[in-house]
Amino acid sequence: MESHDELRQHNRKLRADLDSTQLEIAAAALAEHILPLPEYQQAQRVAVYFAVNGEIGLDAVIDHALVEGKEIFLPNLDHAALRFSPYFRTQKMRINRFRLPEPDIGASEMLSPQELDLVLAPLVVFDGNRNRIGMGGGFYDRSFAFRKNPEYTRPVLIGVAHEIQKVDRIVPEKWDVQLDMIVTDQAIYK
């Protein structure tokens, strides 16, 4: 079985090889799967990300959420664990140390992970048992470690990916936080 690093490297290349048309089609199909979900419909505070390096895009979901009056949040990576910054279309942005855009706001305006209703999390590799491998920084696992306690059911954690990122099986590490669901351009895994 391939190591997490080998799986990560292989799947990042698969994702990066998708052309702009494939990315647009996948993002539209993903939105068609997410928007009807009760978990999305019932959520008021939704964490998203801006797609980079072939990640599946959430622009249609973000646009829909803003029209519906939902609050949108982007991850802020300036700490060991994630904080979430409010986002709106005219939001002033800054580029963080990972060269990713994030809202340019103070820490007092950010939410903790516990304050969210729904998190649409990027991933690099996943399996049908809702296990994920991310970029390797551990931000999501550290930030949502409290969800390993069955008393906590919020926020709902949904991984989003291209179907080509699926593998047969991932052996989770003890610190990995299992997702509630994974949604791709082709399927929903619960």
Protein backbone atom coordinates (compact mmCIF):
# COMPACT_ATOMS: atom_id res chain seq x y z
CA MET A 1 0.00 0.00 0.00
CA GLU A 2 1.25 3.47 -0.88
CA SER A 3 2.23 5.85 1.92
CA HIS A 4 0.18 8.99 2.57
CA ASP A 5 2.93 11.06 0.96
CA GLU A 6 2.96 8.88 -2.16
CA LEU A 7 -0.83 9.02 -2.43
CA ARG A 8 -0.73 12.78 -1.92
CA GLN A 9 1.92 13.29 -4.61
CA HIS A 10 0.14 11.05 -7.14
CA ASN A 11 -3.30 12.61 -6.60
CA ARG A 12 -2.01 16.18 -6.64
CA LYS A 13 -0.63 15.45 -10.12
CA LEU A 14 -3.95 13.93 -11.25
CA ARG A 15 -5.74 17.02 -10.07
CA ALA A 16 -3.20 19.44 -11.56
CA ASP A 17 -3.49 17.74 -14.97
CA LEU A 18 -7.18 18.68 -15.33
CA ASP A 19 -7.74 21.41 -17.91
CA SER A 20 -9.95 24.48 -17.40
CA THR A 21 -12.95 22.90 -19.17
CA GLN A 22 -12.74 19.78 -17.00
CA LEU A 23 -12.48 21.96 -13.89
CA GLU A 24 -15.55 24.01 -14.88
CA ILE A 25 -17.64 20.91 -15.62
CA ALA A 26 -16.57 19.27 -12.34
CA ALA A 27 -17.36 22.40 -10.30
CA ALA A 28 -20.84 22.68 -11.83
CA ALA A 29 -21.54 19.00 -11.12
CA LEU A 30 -20.27 19.39 -7.55
CA ALA A 31 -22.63 22.32 -6.94
CA GLU A 32 -25.56 20.24 -8.23
CA HIS A 33 -24.74 17.64 -5.55
CA ILE A 34 -24.15 20.09 -2.67
CA LEU A 35 -26.98 22.62 -3.05
CA PRO A 36 -29.88 20.17 -2.43
CA LEU A 37 -28.23 18.56 0.63
CA PRO A 38 -30.18 19.18 3.87
CA GLU A 39 -26.84 19.80 5.60
CA TYR A 40 -26.22 22.70 3.22
CA GLN A 41 -29.83 23.93 3.18
CA GLN A 42 -29.98 24.13 6.99
CA ALA A 43 -26.54 25.72 7.47
CA GLN A 44 -26.23 29.45 8.11
CA ARG A 45 -22.45 29.71 8.68
CA VAL A 46 -20.61 27.88 5.90
CA ALA A 47 -16.83 27.53 5.60
CA VAL A 48 -15.46 27.20 2.07
CA TYR A 49 -12.12 27.63 0.29
CA PHE A 50 -10.87 29.17 -2.94
CA ALA A 51 -9.72 26.42 -5.31
CA VAL A 52 -6.05 26.35 -6.31
CA ASN A 53 -3.84 23.82 -8.09
CA GLY A 54 -6.67 21.84 -9.64
CA GLU A 55 -8.87 21.65 -6.52
CA ILE A 56 -12.55 21.35 -7.31
CA GLY A 57 -14.12 24.81 -7.33
CA LEU A 58 -16.84 26.13 -5.04
CA ASP A 59 -17.68 29.40 -6.82
CA ALA A 60 -21.24 28.32 -7.67
CA VAL A 61 -21.83 27.20 -4.08
CA ILE A 62 -20.40 30.47 -2.73
CA ASP A 63 -22.57 32.53 -5.10
CA HIS A 64 -25.69 30.56 -4.15
CA ALA A 65 -24.96 30.84 -0.43
CA LEU A 66 -24.47 34.60 -0.61
CA VAL A 67 -27.74 35.04 -2.55
CA GLU A 68 -29.51 32.87 0.05
CA GLY A 69 -28.19 35.09 2.87
CA LYS A 70 -25.85 32.50 4.33
CA GLU A 71 -22.63 33.68 5.96
CA ILE A 72 -19.49 32.52 4.15
CA PHE A 73 -16.14 32.00 5.87
CA LEU A 74 -12.65 31.25 4.56
CA PRO A 75 -9.92 29.51 6.54
CA ASN A 76 -7.23 31.70 8.05
CA LEU A 77 -3.93 29.83 8.28
CA ASP A 78 -1.94 32.14 10.54
CA HIS A 79 -2.21 29.87 13.58
CA ALA A 80 -1.60 26.18 14.33
CA ALA A 81 -5.35 25.59 14.18
CA LEU A 82 -7.71 27.23 11.73
CA ARG A 83 -9.78 30.30 12.42
CA PHE A 84 -12.43 31.34 9.92
CA SER A 85 -12.73 34.81 8.41
CA PRO A 86 -16.01 36.20 7.08
CA TYR A 87 -16.10 36.62 3.32
CA PHE A 88 -18.24 38.74 1.03
CA ARG A 89 -17.65 39.72 -2.60
CA THR A 90 -16.17 43.16 -1.85
CA GLN A 91 -13.97 41.84 0.98
CA LYS A 92 -10.41 43.15 1.00
CA MET A 93 -8.07 40.16 0.67
CA ARG A 94 -4.44 39.44 1.55
CA ILE A 95 -2.11 36.64 0.48
CA ASN A 96 -0.99 34.39 3.36
CA ARG A 97 2.33 32.58 3.83
CA PHE A 98 1.03 29.64 1.73
CA ARG A 99 0.26 32.07 -1.15
CA LEU A 100 -3.48 31.61 -0.64
CA PRO A 101 -5.98 34.49 -0.51
CA GLU A 102 -7.74 35.15 2.77
CA PRO A 103 -9.86 38.03 4.09
CA ASP A 104 -7.76 40.88 5.46
CA ILE A 105 -9.37 41.24 8.89
CA GLY A 106 -8.35 41.20 12.53
CA ALA A 107 -8.43 38.11 14.74
CA SER A 108 -11.36 39.48 16.74
CA GLU A 109 -13.60 39.17 13.66
CA MET A 110 -12.76 35.50 13.06
CA LEU A 111 -14.80 32.49 14.16
CA SER A 112 -13.52 29.38 15.85
CA PRO A 113 -14.30 26.02 14.18
CA GLN A 114 -17.01 25.32 16.79
CA GLU A 115 -19.00 28.35 15.65
CA LEU A 116 -19.58 27.03 12.11
CA ASP A 117 -22.56 25.00 10.86
CA LEU A 118 -20.96 23.43 7.79
CA VAL A 119 -17.41 23.04 6.50
CA LEU A 120 -16.69 22.25 2.85
CA ALA A 121 -13.12 21.02 3.15
CA PRO A 122 -10.64 20.45 0.36
CA LEU A 123 -8.70 17.22 0.26
CA VAL A 124 -6.10 15.48 -1.85
CA VAL A 125 -7.09 11.82 -1.44
CA PHE A 126 -10.19 10.09 -0.01
CA ASP A 127 -11.80 6.69 0.27
CA GLY A 128 -15.40 5.49 0.37
CA ASN A 129 -15.27 5.31 4.19
CA ARG A 130 -14.99 9.13 4.41
CA ASN A 131 -11.30 9.16 5.30
CA ARG A 132 -9.25 12.01 3.83
CA ILE A 133 -5.68 12.95 3.24
CA GLY A 134 -5.11 16.68 3.01
CA MET A 135 -2.10 18.72 2.00
CA GLY A 136 -0.08 17.47 4.98
CA GLY A 137 -0.14 20.47 7.31
CA GLY A 138 -2.68 18.94 9.70
CA PHE A 139 -4.72 22.16 9.94
CA TYR A 140 -8.14 20.53 9.50
CA ASP A 141 -7.40 17.61 11.84
CA ARG A 142 -6.09 19.90 14.61
CA SER A 143 -8.90 22.39 14.14
CA PHE A 144 -11.72 19.83 14.20
CA ALA A 145 -10.21 17.33 16.67
CA PHE A 146 -13.15 18.08 19.01
CA ARG A 147 -15.41 16.32 16.48
CA LYS A 148 -13.83 12.98 17.45
CA ASN A 149 -15.98 13.26 20.60
CA PRO A 150 -19.46 11.92 19.67
CA GLU A 151 -21.11 14.66 21.76
CA TYR A 152 -20.14 17.16 19.05
CA THR A 153 -22.12 16.93 15.82
CA ARG A 154 -21.40 20.45 14.53
CA PRO A 155 -20.07 21.66 12.30
CA VAL A 156 -20.95 19.10 9.64
CA LEU A 157 -17.70 18.21 7.88
CA ILE A 158 -18.02 17.56 4.15
CA GLY A 159 -14.95 16.83 2.08
CA VAL A 160 -15.13 17.91 -1.54
CA ALA A 161 -13.04 16.50 -4.37
CA HIS A 162 -12.87 15.27 -7.92
CA GLU A 163 -13.97 11.64 -8.20
CA ILE A 164 -10.52 10.81 -9.64
CA GLN A 165 -9.06 11.55 -6.18
CA LYS A 166 -10.72 8.45 -4.71
CA VAL A 167 -8.64 5.43 -3.71
CA ASP A 168 -9.76 2.02 -2.47
CA ARG A 169 -8.61 2.45 1.11
CA ILE A 170 -6.82 4.88 3.38
CA VAL A 171 -5.45 3.69 6.69
CA PRO A 172 -6.25 6.65 8.95
CA GLU A 173 -3.74 8.03 11.43
CA LYS A 174 -4.87 8.28 15.05
CA TRP A 175 -5.20 12.06 14.77
CA ASP A 176 -7.28 12.00 11.59
CA VAL A 177 -10.82 13.37 11.88
CA GLN A 178 -13.28 11.38 9.78
CA LEU A 179 -15.60 13.39 7.57
CA ASP A 180 -19.39 13.20 7.83
CA MET A 181 -19.67 13.02 4.05
CA ILE A 182 -17.62 13.39 0.88
CA VAL A 183 -19.14 14.98 -2.21
CA THR A 184 -17.52 14.77 -5.62
CA ASP A 185 -18.48 15.76 -9.13
CA GLN A 186 -19.92 12.25 -9.56
CA ALA A 187 -21.06 10.88 -6.19
CA ILE A 188 -21.92 11.42 -2.52
CA TYR A 189 -20.28 9.22 0.13
CA LYS A 190 -22.05 9.05 3.51
